[in-house]
Protein backbone atom coordinates (compact mmCIF):
# COMPACT_ATOMS: atom_id res chain seq x y z
CA UNK A 1 0.00 0.00 0.00
CA UNK A 2 2.82 2.42 0.87
CA UNK A 3 4.17 2.27 -2.68
CA UNK A 4 1.01 4.08 -3.88
CA UNK A 5 1.88 7.33 -2.08
CA UNK A 6 4.39 10.13 -2.50
CA UNK A 7 4.85 12.61 0.34
CA UNK A 8 6.03 16.01 -0.92
CA UNK A 9 7.64 18.35 1.61
CA UNK A 10 8.77 21.86 0.71
CA UNK A 11 11.46 23.51 2.82
CA UNK A 12 13.45 26.69 2.93
CA UNK A 13 16.27 27.26 5.43
CA UNK A 14 14.74 25.00 8.10
CA UNK A 15 16.98 21.92 8.18
CA UNK A 16 15.97 21.08 11.75
CA UNK A 17 12.35 20.50 10.71
CA UNK A 18 13.29 18.23 7.81
CA UNK A 19 15.50 16.27 10.16
CA UNK A 20 12.63 15.91 12.63
CA UNK A 21 10.10 14.61 10.11
CA UNK A 22 12.63 12.22 8.55
CA UNK A 23 13.61 10.93 11.99
CA UNK A 24 9.96 10.24 12.74
CA UNK A 25 9.32 8.47 9.41
CA UNK A 26 12.53 6.49 9.80
CA UNK A 27 11.45 5.31 13.26
CA UNK A 28 8.02 4.37 11.85
CA UNK A 29 9.76 2.46 8.99
CA UNK A 30 7.51 3.98 6.35
CA UNK A 31 7.85 2.92 2.73
CA UNK A 32 6.17 5.94 1.13
CA UNK A 33 8.17 7.82 -1.44
CA UNK A 34 9.36 11.17 -0.11
CA UNK A 35 10.21 14.20 -2.25
CA UNK A 36 11.85 17.19 -0.62
CA UNK A 37 11.57 20.44 -2.57
CA UNK A 38 14.41 22.50 -1.14
CA UNK A 39 14.65 26.26 -1.76
CA UNK A 40 17.20 26.83 0.98
CA UNK A 41 20.32 28.92 0.80
CA UNK A 42 23.16 26.78 -0.57
CA UNK A 43 24.85 26.07 2.79
CA UNK A 44 21.59 24.88 4.30
CA UNK A 45 20.79 22.85 1.18
CA UNK A 46 24.12 21.05 1.68
CA UNK A 47 23.28 20.46 5.34
CA UNK A 48 19.90 19.01 4.29
CA UNK A 49 21.61 16.85 1.69
CA UNK A 50 24.06 15.46 4.25
CA UNK A 51 21.27 14.83 6.78
CA UNK A 52 19.10 13.10 4.17
CA UNK A 53 22.00 10.80 3.31
CA UNK A 54 21.73 9.38 6.85
CA UNK A 55 18.18 8.18 6.19
CA UNK A 56 19.15 5.58 3.60
CA UNK A 57 16.28 3.25 4.57
CA UNK A 58 13.77 5.86 3.42
CA UNK A 59 12.95 6.36 -0.26
CA UNK A 60 13.87 10.07 -0.53
CA UNK A 61 14.44 12.26 -3.56
CA UNK A 62 15.90 15.66 -2.71
CA UNK A 63 15.54 18.40 -5.32
CA UNK A 64 17.20 21.79 -5.09
CA UNK A 65 15.31 24.83 -6.36
CA UNK A 66 17.43 27.87 -5.52
CA UNK A 67 15.70 31.22 -5.71
CA UNK A 68 12.22 29.72 -6.01
CA UNK A 69 9.47 30.41 -3.53
CA UNK A 70 7.70 27.48 -1.87
CA UNK A 71 4.78 27.51 -4.33
CA UNK A 72 7.01 27.30 -7.41
CA UNK A 73 9.29 24.72 -5.80
CA UNK A 74 6.20 22.58 -5.12
CA UNK A 75 5.09 22.89 -8.74
CA UNK A 76 8.52 21.81 -9.97
CA UNK A 77 8.83 18.94 -7.54
CA UNK A 78 5.30 17.69 -8.29
CA UNK A 79 6.52 16.79 -11.78
CA UNK A 80 8.49 13.96 -10.17
CA UNK A 81 5.45 12.30 -8.59
CA UNK A 82 4.82 8.93 -10.24
CA UNK A 83 2.58 7.31 -7.64
CA UNK A 84 -1.19 6.99 -7.73
CA UNK A 85 -1.60 9.28 -4.71
CA UNK A 86 0.28 12.21 -3.25
CA UNK A 87 0.14 14.58 -0.32
CA UNK A 88 2.13 17.67 0.56
CA UNK A 89 2.62 19.39 3.85
CA UNK A 90 4.92 21.95 5.44
CA UNK A 91 8.29 20.90 6.84
CA UNK A 92 7.14 21.57 10.41
CA UNK A 93 4.10 19.29 10.08
CA UNK A 94 3.89 15.51 10.38
CA UNK A 95 1.23 13.21 9.02
CA UNK A 96 0.76 9.91 10.78
CA UNK A 97 1.48 6.88 8.59
CA UNK A 98 -1.66 5.14 9.91
CA UNK A 99 -3.78 8.08 8.74
CA UNK A 100 -2.12 8.12 5.34
CA UNK A 101 -2.76 4.39 4.93
CA UNK A 102 -6.40 4.88 5.92
CA UNK A 103 -6.73 7.62 3.28
CA UNK A 104 -5.32 5.26 0.64
CA UNK A 105 -7.92 2.64 1.62
CA UNK A 106 -10.70 5.21 1.24
CA UNK A 107 -9.43 6.30 -2.17
CA UNK A 108 -8.99 2.74 -3.40
CA UNK A 109 -12.47 1.74 -2.23
CA UNK A 110 -14.19 4.78 -3.75
CA UNK A 111 -12.93 4.38 -7.37
CA UNK A 112 -12.29 8.06 -8.10
CA UNK A 113 -15.36 9.74 -6.62
CA UNK A 114 -13.42 11.22 -3.70
CA UNK A 115 -10.58 13.61 -4.51
CA UNK A 116 -9.44 14.57 -0.99
CA UNK A 117 -9.69 13.42 2.60
CA UNK A 118 -8.95 15.08 5.89
CA UNK A 119 -8.47 13.89 9.43
CA UNK A 120 -7.97 15.15 12.92
CA UNK A 121 -5.18 17.59 13.62
CA UNK A 122 -3.27 18.31 16.79
CA UNK A 123 -1.12 21.29 17.61
CA UNK A 124 1.95 20.29 19.59
CA UNK A 125 3.61 23.02 21.62
CA UNK A 126 7.34 22.53 22.02
CA UNK A 127 9.51 24.28 24.60
CA UNK A 128 11.58 27.08 23.00
CA UNK A 129 10.08 26.20 19.58
CA UNK A 130 12.93 23.74 19.10
CA UNK A 131 12.20 21.01 16.54
CA UNK A 132 13.35 18.32 19.00
CA UNK A 133 12.32 20.17 22.16
CA UNK A 134 10.27 18.93 25.07
CA UNK A 135 6.53 18.73 24.36
CA UNK A 136 4.73 21.11 26.70
CA UNK A 137 1.23 21.01 25.24
CA UNK A 138 -1.15 19.16 22.94
CA UNK A 139 -4.22 20.94 21.59
CA UNK A 140 -6.96 20.31 19.05
CA UNK A 141 -6.32 22.16 15.81
CA UNK A 142 -9.30 23.18 13.71
CA UNK A 143 -8.94 22.28 10.04
CA UNK A 144 -10.63 24.53 7.53
CA UNK A 145 -13.31 22.80 5.53
CA UNK A 146 -12.87 22.64 1.79
CA UNK A 147 -16.30 21.16 1.19
CA UNK A 148 -18.48 22.70 -1.48
CA UNK A 149 -21.58 24.10 0.25
CA UNK A 150 -23.53 24.00 -3.03
CA UNK A 151 -24.13 20.27 -2.57
CA UNK A 152 -26.42 20.70 0.48
C-alpha atoms as a PDB file:
ATOM      1  CA  UNK A   1       0.000   0.000   0.000  1.00  0.00           C
ATOM      2  CA  UNK A   2       2.819   2.421   0.869  1.00  0.00           C
ATOM      3  CA  UNK A   3       4.166   2.270  -2.683  1.00  0.00           C
ATOM      4  CA  UNK A   4       1.010   4.079  -3.882  1.00  0.00           C
ATOM      5  CA  UNK A   5       1.876   7.333  -2.077  1.00  0.00           C
ATOM      6  CA  UNK A   6       4.386  10.129  -2.500  1.00  0.00           C
ATOM      7  CA  UNK A   7       4.854  12.608   0.341  1.00  0.00           C
ATOM      8  CA  UNK A   8       6.027  16.015  -0.917  1.00  0.00           C
ATOM      9  CA  UNK A   9       7.641  18.348   1.612  1.00  0.00           C
ATOM     10  CA  UNK A  10       8.774  21.863   0.712  1.00  0.00           C
ATOM     11  CA  UNK A  11      11.457  23.506   2.822  1.00  0.00           C
ATOM     12  CA  UNK A  12      13.454  26.688   2.930  1.00  0.00           C
ATOM     13  CA  UNK A  13      16.273  27.257   5.431  1.00  0.00           C
ATOM     14  CA  UNK A  14      14.743  24.996   8.098  1.00  0.00           C
ATOM     15  CA  UNK A  15      16.979  21.919   8.178  1.00  0.00           C
ATOM     16  CA  UNK A  16      15.970  21.083  11.745  1.00  0.00           C
ATOM     17  CA  UNK A  17      12.347  20.496  10.713  1.00  0.00           C
ATOM     18  CA  UNK A  18      13.291  18.233   7.808  1.00  0.00           C
ATOM     19  CA  UNK A  19      15.505  16.267  10.163  1.00  0.00           C
ATOM     20  CA  UNK A  20      12.634  15.911  12.625  1.00  0.00           C
ATOM     21  CA  UNK A  21      10.099  14.607  10.112  1.00  0.00           C
ATOM     22  CA  UNK A  22      12.627  12.221   8.551  1.00  0.00           C
ATOM     23  CA  UNK A  23      13.614  10.927  11.990  1.00  0.00           C
ATOM     24  CA  UNK A  24       9.955  10.242  12.737  1.00  0.00           C
ATOM     25  CA  UNK A  25       9.321   8.465   9.414  1.00  0.00           C
ATOM     26  CA  UNK A  26      12.534   6.489   9.801  1.00  0.00           C
ATOM     27  CA  UNK A  27      11.446   5.307  13.263  1.00  0.00           C
ATOM     28  CA  UNK A  28       8.021   4.369  11.850  1.00  0.00           C
ATOM     29  CA  UNK A  29       9.761   2.463   8.990  1.00  0.00           C
ATOM     30  CA  UNK A  30       7.513   3.978   6.349  1.00  0.00           C
ATOM     31  CA  UNK A  31       7.849   2.923   2.728  1.00  0.00           C
ATOM     32  CA  UNK A  32       6.170   5.938   1.132  1.00  0.00           C
ATOM     33  CA  UNK A  33       8.170   7.815  -1.443  1.00  0.00           C
ATOM     34  CA  UNK A  34       9.357  11.173  -0.112  1.00  0.00           C
ATOM     35  CA  UNK A  35      10.209  14.198  -2.252  1.00  0.00           C
ATOM     36  CA  UNK A  36      11.847  17.190  -0.616  1.00  0.00           C
ATOM     37  CA  UNK A  37      11.570  20.444  -2.571  1.00  0.00           C
ATOM     38  CA  UNK A  38      14.410  22.497  -1.139  1.00  0.00           C
ATOM     39  CA  UNK A  39      14.651  26.258  -1.762  1.00  0.00           C
ATOM     40  CA  UNK A  40      17.203  26.828   0.979  1.00  0.00           C
ATOM     41  CA  UNK A  41      20.323  28.915   0.797  1.00  0.00           C
ATOM     42  CA  UNK A  42      23.162  26.779  -0.575  1.00  0.00           C
ATOM     43  CA  UNK A  43      24.845  26.072   2.785  1.00  0.00           C
ATOM     44  CA  UNK A  44      21.588  24.877   4.295  1.00  0.00           C
ATOM     45  CA  UNK A  45      20.786  22.852   1.181  1.00  0.00           C
ATOM     46  CA  UNK A  46      24.123  21.048   1.684  1.00  0.00           C
ATOM     47  CA  UNK A  47      23.275  20.462   5.343  1.00  0.00           C
ATOM     48  CA  UNK A  48      19.903  19.006   4.293  1.00  0.00           C
ATOM     49  CA  UNK A  49      21.611  16.852   1.686  1.00  0.00           C
ATOM     50  CA  UNK A  50      24.063  15.459   4.255  1.00  0.00           C
ATOM     51  CA  UNK A  51      21.273  14.826   6.779  1.00  0.00           C
ATOM     52  CA  UNK A  52      19.097  13.101   4.171  1.00  0.00           C
ATOM     53  CA  UNK A  53      21.998  10.803   3.307  1.00  0.00           C
ATOM     54  CA  UNK A  54      21.733   9.376   6.847  1.00  0.00           C
ATOM     55  CA  UNK A  55      18.177   8.176   6.192  1.00  0.00           C
ATOM     56  CA  UNK A  56      19.149   5.580   3.600  1.00  0.00           C
ATOM     57  CA  UNK A  57      16.278   3.252   4.575  1.00  0.00           C
ATOM     58  CA  UNK A  58      13.771   5.859   3.418  1.00  0.00           C
ATOM     59  CA  UNK A  59      12.950   6.361  -0.261  1.00  0.00           C
ATOM     60  CA  UNK A  60      13.872  10.071  -0.527  1.00  0.00           C
ATOM     61  CA  UNK A  61      14.438  12.257  -3.564  1.00  0.00           C
ATOM     62  CA  UNK A  62      15.896  15.659  -2.715  1.00  0.00           C
ATOM     63  CA  UNK A  63      15.543  18.404  -5.319  1.00  0.00           C
ATOM     64  CA  UNK A  64      17.204  21.788  -5.087  1.00  0.00           C
ATOM     65  CA  UNK A  65      15.312  24.828  -6.359  1.00  0.00           C
ATOM     66  CA  UNK A  66      17.429  27.875  -5.519  1.00  0.00           C
ATOM     67  CA  UNK A  67      15.705  31.222  -5.710  1.00  0.00           C
ATOM     68  CA  UNK A  68      12.222  29.716  -6.008  1.00  0.00           C
ATOM     69  CA  UNK A  69       9.470  30.414  -3.527  1.00  0.00           C
ATOM     70  CA  UNK A  70       7.704  27.482  -1.871  1.00  0.00           C
ATOM     71  CA  UNK A  71       4.785  27.507  -4.330  1.00  0.00           C
ATOM     72  CA  UNK A  72       7.007  27.300  -7.410  1.00  0.00           C
ATOM     73  CA  UNK A  73       9.291  24.721  -5.803  1.00  0.00           C
ATOM     74  CA  UNK A  74       6.199  22.580  -5.117  1.00  0.00           C
ATOM     75  CA  UNK A  75       5.091  22.893  -8.735  1.00  0.00           C
ATOM     76  CA  UNK A  76       8.517  21.812  -9.969  1.00  0.00           C
ATOM     77  CA  UNK A  77       8.829  18.938  -7.537  1.00  0.00           C
ATOM     78  CA  UNK A  78       5.299  17.689  -8.286  1.00  0.00           C
ATOM     79  CA  UNK A  79       6.516  16.787 -11.782  1.00  0.00           C
ATOM     80  CA  UNK A  80       8.493  13.965 -10.168  1.00  0.00           C
ATOM     81  CA  UNK A  81       5.447  12.298  -8.593  1.00  0.00           C
ATOM     82  CA  UNK A  82       4.825   8.933 -10.242  1.00  0.00           C
ATOM     83  CA  UNK A  83       2.582   7.314  -7.642  1.00  0.00           C
ATOM     84  CA  UNK A  84      -1.190   6.992  -7.728  1.00  0.00           C
ATOM     85  CA  UNK A  85      -1.604   9.282  -4.710  1.00  0.00           C
ATOM     86  CA  UNK A  86       0.276  12.210  -3.252  1.00  0.00           C
ATOM     87  CA  UNK A  87       0.136  14.580  -0.323  1.00  0.00           C
ATOM     88  CA  UNK A  88       2.128  17.666   0.564  1.00  0.00           C
ATOM     89  CA  UNK A  89       2.621  19.391   3.854  1.00  0.00           C
ATOM     90  CA  UNK A  90       4.925  21.947   5.440  1.00  0.00           C
ATOM     91  CA  UNK A  91       8.288  20.901   6.836  1.00  0.00           C
ATOM     92  CA  UNK A  92       7.139  21.571  10.407  1.00  0.00           C
ATOM     93  CA  UNK A  93       4.101  19.287  10.080  1.00  0.00           C
ATOM     94  CA  UNK A  94       3.894  15.511  10.382  1.00  0.00           C
ATOM     95  CA  UNK A  95       1.234  13.215   9.023  1.00  0.00           C
ATOM     96  CA  UNK A  96       0.757   9.911  10.775  1.00  0.00           C
ATOM     97  CA  UNK A  97       1.481   6.880   8.588  1.00  0.00           C
ATOM     98  CA  UNK A  98      -1.655   5.142   9.909  1.00  0.00           C
ATOM     99  CA  UNK A  99      -3.781   8.077   8.744  1.00  0.00           C
ATOM    100  CA  UNK A 100      -2.122   8.118   5.335  1.00  0.00           C
ATOM    101  CA  UNK A 101      -2.761   4.391   4.929  1.00  0.00           C
ATOM    102  CA  UNK A 102      -6.397   4.881   5.924  1.00  0.00           C
ATOM    103  CA  UNK A 103      -6.733   7.619   3.277  1.00  0.00           C
ATOM    104  CA  UNK A 104      -5.321   5.260   0.641  1.00  0.00           C
ATOM    105  CA  UNK A 105      -7.916   2.638   1.618  1.00  0.00           C
ATOM    106  CA  UNK A 106     -10.699   5.214   1.242  1.00  0.00           C
ATOM    107  CA  UNK A 107      -9.432   6.304  -2.175  1.00  0.00           C
ATOM    108  CA  UNK A 108      -8.987   2.735  -3.395  1.00  0.00           C
ATOM    109  CA  UNK A 109     -12.467   1.742  -2.232  1.00  0.00           C
ATOM    110  CA  UNK A 110     -14.186   4.779  -3.748  1.00  0.00           C
ATOM    111  CA  UNK A 111     -12.934   4.379  -7.371  1.00  0.00           C
ATOM    112  CA  UNK A 112     -12.290   8.055  -8.098  1.00  0.00           C
ATOM    113  CA  UNK A 113     -15.364   9.735  -6.618  1.00  0.00           C
ATOM    114  CA  UNK A 114     -13.423  11.223  -3.704  1.00  0.00           C
ATOM    115  CA  UNK A 115     -10.578  13.610  -4.510  1.00  0.00           C
ATOM    116  CA  UNK A 116      -9.440  14.573  -0.991  1.00  0.00           C
ATOM    117  CA  UNK A 117      -9.690  13.420   2.600  1.00  0.00           C
ATOM    118  CA  UNK A 118      -8.953  15.084   5.895  1.00  0.00           C
ATOM    119  CA  UNK A 119      -8.474  13.888   9.428  1.00  0.00           C
ATOM    120  CA  UNK A 120      -7.970  15.147  12.925  1.00  0.00           C
ATOM    121  CA  UNK A 121      -5.177  17.585  13.622  1.00  0.00           C
ATOM    122  CA  UNK A 122      -3.274  18.308  16.789  1.00  0.00           C
ATOM    123  CA  UNK A 123      -1.116  21.295  17.614  1.00  0.00           C
ATOM    124  CA  UNK A 124       1.951  20.288  19.589  1.00  0.00           C
ATOM    125  CA  UNK A 125       3.605  23.017  21.622  1.00  0.00           C
ATOM    126  CA  UNK A 126       7.339  22.534  22.024  1.00  0.00           C
ATOM    127  CA  UNK A 127       9.512  24.282  24.597  1.00  0.00           C
ATOM    128  CA  UNK A 128      11.580  27.081  22.998  1.00  0.00           C
ATOM    129  CA  UNK A 129      10.081  26.198  19.581  1.00  0.00           C
ATOM    130  CA  UNK A 130      12.932  23.744  19.096  1.00  0.00           C
ATOM    131  CA  UNK A 131      12.203  21.010  16.539  1.00  0.00           C
ATOM    132  CA  UNK A 132      13.351  18.323  19.000  1.00  0.00           C
ATOM    133  CA  UNK A 133      12.321  20.168  22.156  1.00  0.00           C
ATOM    134  CA  UNK A 134      10.267  18.933  25.066  1.00  0.00           C
ATOM    135  CA  UNK A 135       6.529  18.730  24.355  1.00  0.00           C
ATOM    136  CA  UNK A 136       4.725  21.109  26.699  1.00  0.00           C
ATOM    137  CA  UNK A 137       1.229  21.005  25.244  1.00  0.00           C
ATOM    138  CA  UNK A 138      -1.153  19.162  22.939  1.00  0.00           C
ATOM    139  CA  UNK A 139      -4.221  20.939  21.591  1.00  0.00           C
ATOM    140  CA  UNK A 140      -6.964  20.314  19.052  1.00  0.00           C
ATOM    141  CA  UNK A 141      -6.319  22.157  15.808  1.00  0.00           C
ATOM    142  CA  UNK A 142      -9.300  23.175  13.706  1.00  0.00           C
ATOM    143  CA  UNK A 143      -8.937  22.277  10.043  1.00  0.00           C
ATOM    144  CA  UNK A 144     -10.628  24.535   7.530  1.00  0.00           C
ATOM    145  CA  UNK A 145     -13.312  22.797   5.530  1.00  0.00           C
ATOM    146  CA  UNK A 146     -12.866  22.641   1.792  1.00  0.00           C
ATOM    147  CA  UNK A 147     -16.297  21.159   1.188  1.00  0.00           C
ATOM    148  CA  UNK A 148     -18.484  22.700  -1.476  1.00  0.00           C
ATOM    149  CA  UNK A 149     -21.584  24.100   0.247  1.00  0.00           C
ATOM    150  CA  UNK A 150     -23.532  24.003  -3.029  1.00  0.00           C
ATOM    151  CA  UNK A 151     -24.132  20.265  -2.571  1.00  0.00           C
ATOM    152  CA  UNK A 152     -26.421  20.701   0.479  1.00  0.00           C
END
